[in-house]
Amino acid sequence: MLKNKSDNLISMKKIMTATEVARNFSEVLDAVANGEEITITRGNKPIAVMGGVKEEIPNSVLLAAALKEHFEKYKDVPVDDSFDAVEYIRQMRDQDLVRDQERWELLEALWDEPSPKERD
């Protein structure tokens, strides 16, 4: 059987039924490991795509990024023995929510106002 060497360089996309995947699971995993993407169907409808795993970011890195973003937004949180950081963060969040609600109400009021042409 002749095989074009360039075929190995192209990421192939295959469509298989769930039954075919179940019966050939080891081969399917090998294909995915080799860079292929497999769309799995049931009743002629695509239900899932099987592909290679991207490098996952550890939760600790995600948490550090979220904390950095939070403290950049809310600046330094004052800390002393009587300080409740959770309550402080809730208050800051609630203030943001109130400001957002006020903005929406203002926009809705402006939207409902008749245009200068309609007033005449």
Protein backbone atom coordinates (compact mmCIF):
# COMPACT_ATOMS: atom_id res chain seq x y z
CA MET A 1 0.00 0.00 0.00
CA LEU A 2 1.41 3.37 -1.00
CA LYS A 3 1.20 6.05 1.61
CA ASN A 4 1.89 9.70 1.01
CA LYS A 5 4.47 10.81 3.56
CA SER A 6 2.84 14.23 3.88
CA ASP A 7 -0.31 12.58 5.29
CA ASN A 8 1.48 12.30 8.63
CA LEU A 9 1.95 16.05 8.77
CA ILE A 10 -1.73 16.87 8.39
CA SER A 11 -4.06 16.71 11.37
CA MET A 12 -6.86 14.46 10.19
CA LYS A 13 -10.48 14.93 11.17
CA LYS A 14 -12.60 11.79 11.37
CA ILE A 15 -16.25 11.10 12.11
CA MET A 16 -17.17 7.93 13.99
CA THR A 17 -20.30 6.62 15.65
CA ALA A 18 -20.29 6.09 19.40
CA THR A 19 -20.48 2.34 18.76
CA GLU A 20 -17.42 2.44 16.48
CA VAL A 21 -15.50 4.39 19.11
CA ALA A 22 -16.48 1.93 21.83
CA ARG A 23 -15.46 -1.08 19.75
CA ASN A 24 -12.13 0.46 18.72
CA PHE A 25 -11.32 2.55 21.78
CA SER A 26 -7.62 1.69 21.97
CA GLU A 27 -7.10 2.55 18.29
CA VAL A 28 -9.12 5.75 18.73
CA LEU A 29 -6.89 6.82 21.62
CA ASP A 30 -3.81 6.07 19.50
CA ALA A 31 -5.21 8.22 16.68
CA VAL A 32 -5.95 11.09 19.07
CA ALA A 33 -2.46 10.78 20.55
CA ASN A 34 -1.12 11.11 16.97
CA GLY A 35 -2.92 14.43 16.50
CA GLU A 36 -6.18 13.33 14.94
CA GLU A 37 -9.50 14.85 15.97
CA ILE A 38 -12.51 12.55 16.04
CA THR A 39 -16.12 13.72 15.99
CA ILE A 40 -18.37 11.19 17.70
CA THR A 41 -21.94 10.88 16.48
CA ARG A 42 -25.08 9.27 17.78
CA GLY A 43 -28.11 9.01 15.52
CA ASN A 44 -26.24 10.93 12.79
CA LYS A 45 -25.82 13.93 15.12
CA PRO A 46 -22.42 15.05 16.44
CA ILE A 47 -22.35 14.72 20.24
CA ALA A 48 -18.66 15.07 21.13
CA VAL A 49 -15.24 15.83 19.74
CA MET A 50 -12.23 13.86 20.87
CA GLY A 51 -8.89 15.56 20.49
CA GLY A 52 -5.53 16.02 22.12
CA VAL A 53 -5.28 17.61 25.54
CA LYS A 54 -3.79 21.05 25.80
CA GLU A 55 -1.43 21.70 28.65
CA GLU A 56 -3.55 22.46 31.68
CA ILE A 57 -2.84 25.41 33.95
CA PRO A 58 -2.60 24.37 37.61
CA ASN A 59 -5.34 25.70 39.91
CA SER A 60 -2.72 27.44 42.03
CA VAL A 61 -1.64 29.52 39.02
CA LEU A 62 -5.27 30.35 38.17
CA LEU A 63 -5.93 31.35 41.79
CA ALA A 64 -2.83 33.56 41.90
CA ALA A 65 -3.94 35.30 38.68
CA ALA A 66 -7.47 35.81 40.05
CA LEU A 67 -6.14 37.28 43.29
CA LYS A 68 -3.78 39.59 41.41
CA GLU A 69 -6.66 40.80 39.23
CA HIS A 70 -8.86 41.30 42.29
CA PHE A 71 -6.30 43.32 44.21
CA GLU A 72 -5.46 45.41 41.14
CA LYS A 73 -9.16 46.25 40.88
CA TYR A 74 -9.83 46.88 44.58
CA LYS A 75 -6.35 48.14 45.50
CA ASP A 76 -4.80 47.24 48.81
CA VAL A 77 -7.08 45.75 51.42
CA PRO A 78 -6.45 47.34 54.83
CA VAL A 79 -5.54 44.73 57.42
CA ASP A 80 -5.62 44.87 61.20
CA ASP A 81 -6.80 42.57 63.99
CA SER A 82 -10.42 43.72 63.76
CA PHE A 83 -10.54 43.57 59.95
CA ASP A 84 -12.84 41.08 58.22
CA ALA A 85 -11.43 40.68 54.71
CA VAL A 86 -14.39 38.65 53.46
CA GLU A 87 -16.86 41.32 54.60
CA TYR A 88 -14.71 44.07 53.05
CA ILE A 89 -14.62 42.26 49.70
CA ARG A 90 -18.41 41.73 49.86
CA GLN A 91 -18.91 45.45 50.49
CA MET A 92 -16.71 46.37 47.54
CA ARG A 93 -18.58 43.91 45.32
CA ASP A 94 -21.96 45.26 46.49
CA GLN A 95 -20.85 48.82 45.74
CA ASP A 96 -19.92 47.74 42.22
CA LEU A 97 -23.31 46.06 41.81
CA VAL A 98 -25.14 49.21 42.97
CA ARG A 99 -23.12 51.36 40.54
CA ASP A 100 -23.87 48.90 37.71
CA GLN A 101 -27.59 49.00 38.54
CA GLU A 102 -27.55 52.80 38.60
CA ARG A 103 -25.86 52.86 35.19
CA TRP A 104 -28.49 50.49 33.75
CA GLU A 105 -31.32 52.60 35.17
CA LEU A 106 -29.80 55.73 33.66
CA LEU A 107 -29.38 54.05 30.28
CA GLU A 108 -32.97 52.76 30.39
CA ALA A 109 -34.23 56.26 31.26
CA LEU A 110 -32.28 57.74 28.37
CA TRP A 111 -33.56 55.04 26.07
CA ASP A 112 -37.18 55.74 27.05
CA GLU A 113 -36.87 59.52 26.56
CA PRO A 114 -38.42 60.82 23.36
CA SER A 115 -36.00 62.20 20.83
CA PRO A 116 -35.93 66.01 20.30
CA LYS A 117 -37.91 65.50 17.05
CA GLU A 118 -40.59 63.51 18.87
CA ARG A 119 -41.00 66.23 21.54
CA ASP A 120 -41.89 68.92 19.00
